[in-house]
Amino acid sequence: MIGIVPRHRRSFFAEPVAAKVPEITFLFWVIKILTTAGGEATSDYLGLNLYPHSRPTVVAIETAILAVGLVWQFHVRRYAAAPYWFFAYSIAIFGTGVSDALHLVVGIPYAGTTLLWAVVLAIVFWRWHASERTLSIHSVYTRRREAYYWAVVFATFALGTALGDFTATSLHLGFLASGILFFVVILIPAVAWKWLGLNSVVAFWCAYVVTRPLGASFADYFSRPHSLSGADYGNGPVALVITIIVAALVGYLCVARNDIQRPESYPEGSYPPVSDEALGNTKP
C-alpha cells in the first residue's frame, strides 16, 4: 500500500541484503596489514606525541573515530570498501589504545595483556560458532554474524598489539626481529592450507590474527627512536604515509569493485536469496 514504509527501511541498522565483508584476495591482506600498522602508529602518535599528558583527550578522539566507523559500516546493507576499511582502521586505532592503556595505565605486563586478549578472542570465537555453527566469512550476511565478526576483529587487534609488544620488549627481540618473526609465522597457515589440507576457515583466522602483530611490529620499528631499536621516523610521519597508501588502495577497490563476494563464493545452499544488484553485480 502507498505510504507504508517497508520493514527493512524502518531501522537505521537494517538487516544486510548481502555479505558484509570482502572476498579474500591478495590486496585484502596487503590492506589489512597496512591498517594494523597504521592503527598502531596513529594511536601512538595521539598518545605519545599529540596529547602525551591528556589520556581523556586521546580516549575521546579514538572513541569518536570508532563510533563513526561503526555507524557507517552497520548502516550499509551490503559490503562496500570505504565503510568496511574505515571501520577496520578505526578498530586498529582504538584496539591499540585499549591494549596500551591496560599496560601503561592499569599496569598489567605484556604477558598478562596477551593472555587476557587471547582468552577474550577464544570466548568470542566459541560464542560465534555456538550461535551460528560457522566461522566462515562467506556466512557474514546477517546482523548478528556481522557483530560477531567485528568483535573478533577487535579482539585480534588488541591481542596483536599486546603480543607484538611482548615479543619486542619483554622477550627483547626488538621491533624489526619481531616483524620478521611474525612474517614467518603468517606463512605457516598459508602453507598448511595449500599443501597440507588445513581447513580454509581455520587457516584464514590463524593468518588474520597474526596480521596485527606483524603490521604493528613494523610500524613500531619505523616510528620508534633508535634507543628503542627503531628507525626513528616518528609516529606522525609513519601514520600519515600509511594512511595515504591505505586510502589510495581502498579508492581503487571502490572503483574496481573486484573484492565483492559473488554468489559462487558462498557454500552451496548457504547464501541469502538476493538479487544481483544487492550483491553489487550491477552498477547503480
Protein backbone atom coordinates (compact mmCIF):
# COMPACT_ATOMS: atom_id res chain seq x y z
CA MET A 1 0.00 0.00 0.00
CA ILE A 2 1.15 3.54 -0.71
CA GLY A 3 2.53 5.25 2.36
CA ILE A 4 3.59 2.09 4.15
CA VAL A 5 7.36 2.00 4.79
CA PRO A 6 8.90 -1.41 4.04
CA ARG A 7 10.04 -3.27 7.14
CA HIS A 8 13.71 -3.27 6.15
CA ARG A 9 13.68 0.55 5.95
CA ARG A 10 12.24 1.12 9.42
CA SER A 11 15.54 0.52 11.17
CA PHE A 12 18.69 2.58 10.76
CA PHE A 13 20.67 -0.66 11.20
CA ALA A 14 18.50 -2.86 8.99
CA GLU A 15 19.41 -6.46 8.21
CA PRO A 16 22.00 -6.86 5.43
CA VAL A 17 20.89 -7.90 1.96
CA ALA A 18 24.24 -9.47 1.04
CA ALA A 19 27.64 -10.30 2.51
CA LYS A 20 29.10 -7.53 4.67
CA VAL A 21 32.78 -8.46 4.33
CA PRO A 22 35.05 -8.57 1.28
CA GLU A 23 36.23 -11.52 -0.73
CA ILE A 24 39.70 -12.60 0.34
CA THR A 25 42.26 -11.55 -2.25
CA PHE A 26 45.95 -10.66 -2.15
CA LEU A 27 45.02 -6.97 -1.89
CA PHE A 28 42.86 -7.76 1.14
CA TRP A 29 45.93 -9.00 3.03
CA VAL A 30 48.00 -6.01 1.93
CA ILE A 31 45.42 -3.51 3.16
CA LYS A 32 44.79 -5.50 6.34
CA ILE A 33 48.46 -5.45 7.32
CA LEU A 34 48.72 -1.76 6.45
CA THR A 35 45.69 -0.91 8.62
CA THR A 36 47.26 -2.73 11.56
CA ALA A 37 50.46 -0.77 11.06
CA GLY A 38 48.61 2.50 10.58
CA GLY A 39 46.42 1.93 13.62
CA GLU A 40 49.48 1.32 15.77
CA ALA A 41 51.29 4.43 14.54
CA THR A 42 48.19 6.65 14.73
CA SER A 43 47.31 5.61 18.29
CA ASP A 44 50.92 6.07 19.40
CA TYR A 45 51.01 9.49 17.75
CA LEU A 46 47.88 10.59 19.59
CA GLY A 47 49.02 9.22 22.94
CA LEU A 48 52.76 9.90 22.82
CA ASN A 49 53.13 12.96 20.59
CA LEU A 50 49.93 14.96 20.19
CA TYR A 51 48.37 14.57 23.65
CA PRO A 52 51.06 12.93 25.82
CA HIS A 53 49.64 14.32 29.05
CA SER A 54 45.91 14.07 28.32
CA ARG A 55 44.73 10.47 28.26
CA PRO A 56 41.00 11.51 28.30
CA THR A 57 41.52 13.53 25.12
CA VAL A 58 43.11 10.56 23.37
CA VAL A 59 40.30 8.28 24.51
CA ALA A 60 37.68 10.76 23.28
CA ILE A 61 39.29 11.08 19.84
CA GLU A 62 39.76 7.34 19.35
CA THR A 63 36.23 6.63 20.58
CA ALA A 64 34.77 9.23 18.22
CA ILE A 65 36.61 7.71 15.24
CA LEU A 66 35.40 4.25 16.27
CA ALA A 67 31.80 5.47 16.61
CA VAL A 68 31.82 7.00 13.12
CA GLY A 69 33.20 3.79 11.66
CA LEU A 70 30.68 1.61 13.49
CA VAL A 71 27.66 3.66 12.42
CA TRP A 72 28.85 3.86 8.82
CA GLN A 73 29.62 0.14 8.49
CA PHE A 74 26.47 -1.11 10.21
CA HIS A 75 24.24 1.33 8.34
CA VAL A 76 25.12 0.00 4.89
CA ARG A 77 23.31 -3.22 3.96
CA ARG A 78 25.99 -4.90 1.87
CA TYR A 79 29.75 -4.78 1.69
CA ALA A 80 31.34 -1.55 0.48
CA ALA A 81 35.08 -0.96 0.61
CA ALA A 82 35.07 2.54 2.12
CA PRO A 83 32.97 1.92 5.27
CA TYR A 84 34.48 -1.53 5.81
CA TRP A 85 38.10 -0.38 5.78
CA PHE A 86 37.36 2.84 7.66
CA PHE A 87 35.84 0.77 10.46
CA ALA A 88 38.76 -1.66 10.37
CA TYR A 89 41.21 1.25 10.63
CA SER A 90 39.24 2.79 13.49
CA ILE A 91 39.30 -0.53 15.37
CA ALA A 92 43.06 -0.75 14.78
CA ILE A 93 43.47 2.66 16.41
CA PHE A 94 41.06 2.02 19.27
CA GLY A 95 42.30 -1.53 19.91
CA THR A 96 45.87 -0.26 20.20
CA GLY A 97 44.77 2.39 22.67
CA VAL A 98 42.85 -0.06 24.84
CA SER A 99 45.65 -2.61 24.88
CA ASP A 100 48.28 0.03 25.66
CA ALA A 101 46.11 1.51 28.43
CA LEU A 102 45.88 -1.86 30.17
CA HIS A 103 49.69 -1.94 30.27
CA LEU A 104 50.59 1.71 30.81
CA VAL A 105 47.70 2.84 33.00
CA VAL A 106 46.47 -0.31 34.73
CA GLY A 107 49.95 -1.80 34.94
CA ILE A 108 49.30 -5.26 33.51
CA PRO A 109 52.51 -6.69 31.99
CA TYR A 110 52.55 -7.51 28.28
CA ALA A 111 52.43 -11.24 29.02
CA GLY A 112 49.25 -10.63 31.03
CA THR A 113 47.54 -8.49 28.38
CA THR A 114 48.49 -11.02 25.70
CA LEU A 115 46.90 -13.83 27.71
CA LEU A 116 43.86 -11.68 28.54
CA TRP A 117 43.10 -10.86 24.90
CA ALA A 118 43.79 -14.42 23.81
CA VAL A 119 41.11 -15.58 26.25
CA VAL A 120 38.71 -12.87 25.05
CA LEU A 121 39.29 -13.90 21.42
CA ALA A 122 38.73 -17.57 22.23
CA ILE A 123 35.46 -16.77 24.01
CA VAL A 124 34.16 -14.70 21.08
CA PHE A 125 35.06 -17.46 18.62
CA TRP A 126 33.34 -20.01 20.85
CA ARG A 127 30.16 -17.95 21.20
CA TRP A 128 30.09 -17.19 17.46
CA HIS A 129 30.42 -20.84 16.49
CA ALA A 130 27.95 -21.99 19.17
CA SER A 131 25.41 -19.48 17.92
CA GLU A 132 25.89 -19.74 14.15
CA ARG A 133 27.63 -23.11 13.65
CA THR A 134 30.13 -21.49 11.29
CA LEU A 135 33.02 -19.02 11.38
CA SER A 136 33.24 -18.58 7.62
CA ILE A 137 33.49 -15.04 6.27
CA HIS A 138 31.21 -16.21 3.47
CA SER A 139 28.42 -16.53 6.00
CA VAL A 140 28.53 -12.94 7.29
CA TYR A 141 25.25 -11.76 5.80
CA THR A 142 23.16 -11.26 8.97
CA ARG A 143 23.46 -8.52 11.55
CA ARG A 144 24.30 -10.94 14.36
CA ARG A 145 27.07 -12.62 12.39
CA GLU A 146 28.44 -9.24 11.46
CA ALA A 147 28.53 -8.28 15.14
CA TYR A 148 30.44 -11.46 15.97
CA TYR A 149 32.82 -10.80 13.08
CA TRP A 150 33.73 -7.31 14.28
CA ALA A 151 34.04 -8.48 17.88
CA VAL A 152 36.64 -10.96 16.65
CA VAL A 153 38.37 -8.22 14.66
CA PHE A 154 38.59 -6.01 17.75
CA ALA A 155 39.95 -8.84 19.89
CA THR A 156 42.59 -9.70 17.27
CA PHE A 157 43.74 -6.08 17.11
CA ALA A 158 44.07 -5.81 20.89
CA LEU A 159 45.75 -9.23 21.13
CA GLY A 160 48.17 -8.42 18.33
CA THR A 161 49.18 -5.15 19.95
CA ALA A 162 49.98 -6.88 23.22
CA LEU A 163 51.71 -9.81 21.53
CA GLY A 164 53.90 -7.58 19.36
CA ASP A 165 54.97 -5.52 22.37
CA PHE A 166 55.59 -8.71 24.34
CA THR A 167 57.99 -10.18 21.79
CA ALA A 168 59.72 -6.85 21.10
CA THR A 169 60.20 -5.69 24.70
CA SER A 170 59.58 -8.49 27.18
CA LEU A 171 61.45 -11.07 25.06
CA HIS A 172 63.95 -8.39 23.92
CA LEU A 173 63.69 -9.28 20.24
CA GLY A 174 63.27 -5.69 19.13
CA PHE A 175 60.65 -4.48 16.67
CA LEU A 176 62.37 -5.49 13.44
CA ALA A 177 63.11 -9.02 14.61
CA SER A 178 59.53 -9.31 15.88
CA GLY A 179 58.21 -8.22 12.49
CA ILE A 180 60.35 -10.80 10.71
CA LEU A 181 59.23 -13.47 13.20
CA PHE A 182 55.55 -12.78 12.58
CA PHE A 183 56.12 -12.67 8.82
CA VAL A 184 57.41 -16.23 9.03
CA VAL A 185 54.55 -17.24 11.34
CA ILE A 186 51.87 -15.88 9.00
CA LEU A 187 53.19 -18.09 6.19
CA ILE A 188 52.54 -21.25 8.23
CA PRO A 189 48.72 -21.34 7.86
CA ALA A 190 49.05 -20.41 4.17
CA VAL A 191 51.41 -23.33 3.55
CA ALA A 192 49.32 -25.67 5.69
CA TRP A 193 46.16 -24.72 3.78
CA LYS A 194 47.69 -25.02 0.31
CA TRP A 195 49.74 -28.18 0.73
CA LEU A 196 48.67 -29.91 3.95
CA GLY A 197 44.90 -29.70 3.70
CA LEU A 198 44.28 -27.30 6.58
CA ASN A 199 40.65 -26.16 6.73
CA SER A 200 40.30 -22.84 4.90
CA VAL A 201 38.35 -21.16 7.72
CA VAL A 202 40.95 -22.17 10.31
CA ALA A 203 43.78 -21.06 8.02
CA PHE A 204 42.12 -17.70 7.39
CA TRP A 205 41.62 -16.84 11.05
CA CYS A 206 45.10 -18.04 12.04
CA ALA A 207 46.62 -15.76 9.43
CA TYR A 208 44.22 -12.93 10.30
CA VAL A 209 45.28 -12.93 13.96
CA VAL A 210 48.96 -12.70 13.02
CA THR A 211 48.46 -9.70 10.70
CA ARG A 212 48.13 -7.46 13.75
CA PRO A 213 51.49 -8.12 15.46
CA LEU A 214 53.10 -8.29 12.01
CA GLY A 215 51.92 -4.84 10.95
CA ALA A 216 52.30 -3.29 14.40
CA SER A 217 55.88 -4.55 14.79
CA PHE A 218 57.00 -3.00 11.51
CA ALA A 219 55.13 0.24 12.31
CA ASP A 220 56.90 0.42 15.67
CA TYR A 221 60.23 -0.31 14.00
CA PHE A 222 59.89 2.58 11.55
CA SER A 223 58.45 5.04 14.10
CA ARG A 224 60.28 4.38 17.36
CA PRO A 225 63.63 6.06 18.22
CA HIS A 226 66.97 4.33 17.81
CA SER A 227 67.18 3.86 21.58
CA LEU A 228 64.14 1.54 21.32
CA SER A 229 65.51 -0.43 18.36
CA GLY A 230 63.54 1.68 15.88
CA ALA A 231 64.39 3.58 12.68
CA ASP A 232 63.25 6.88 14.27
CA TYR A 233 60.99 8.22 11.50
CA GLY A 234 58.39 9.24 14.08
CA ASN A 235 54.82 8.16 14.76
CA GLY A 236 53.23 11.06 12.88
CA PRO A 237 55.03 10.64 9.54
CA VAL A 238 54.61 6.85 9.60
CA ALA A 239 50.89 7.15 10.38
CA LEU A 240 50.41 9.74 7.63
CA VAL A 241 52.22 7.74 4.94
CA ILE A 242 50.37 4.52 5.77
CA THR A 243 47.01 6.30 5.86
CA ILE A 244 47.61 7.79 2.41
CA ILE A 245 48.56 4.38 0.98
CA VAL A 246 45.51 2.70 2.54
CA ALA A 247 43.23 5.46 1.23
CA ALA A 248 44.64 5.02 -2.28
CA LEU A 249 44.20 1.24 -2.24
CA VAL A 250 40.66 1.48 -0.85
CA GLY A 251 39.88 4.08 -3.50
CA TYR A 252 40.98 1.59 -6.13
CA LEU A 253 38.68 -1.06 -4.64
CA CYS A 254 35.77 1.39 -4.67
CA VAL A 255 36.24 1.78 -8.43
CA ALA A 256 37.27 -1.75 -9.40
CA ARG A 257 34.78 -3.49 -7.08
CA ASN A 258 36.60 -6.77 -7.55
CA ASP A 259 36.53 -7.58 -3.84
CA ILE A 260 32.76 -8.09 -3.64
CA GLN A 261 31.71 -11.62 -2.77
CA ARG A 262 29.83 -13.29 -5.59
CA PRO A 263 27.12 -15.96 -5.14
CA GLU A 264 29.56 -18.68 -6.20
CA SER A 265 31.80 -17.72 -3.26
CA TYR A 266 29.21 -18.95 -0.75
CA PRO A 267 28.97 -22.58 0.35
CA GLU A 268 26.17 -24.29 -1.58
CA GLY A 269 22.76 -23.55 -0.13
CA SER A 270 24.05 -21.07 2.46
CA TYR A 271 23.82 -17.74 0.70
CA PRO A 272 20.79 -15.49 1.04
CA PRO A 273 18.40 -15.28 -1.93
CA VAL A 274 19.19 -11.72 -3.01
CA SER A 275 19.37 -10.02 -6.36
CA ASP A 276 22.44 -9.36 -8.46
CA GLU A 277 22.01 -5.66 -7.74
CA ALA A 278 22.10 -6.29 -3.99
CA LEU A 279 25.34 -8.24 -4.36
CA GLY A 280 26.91 -5.43 -6.32
CA ASN A 281 26.97 -7.22 -9.64
CA THR A 282 25.49 -4.24 -11.44
CA LYS A 283 26.44 -0.61 -11.26
CA PRO A 284 23.95 1.76 -9.69
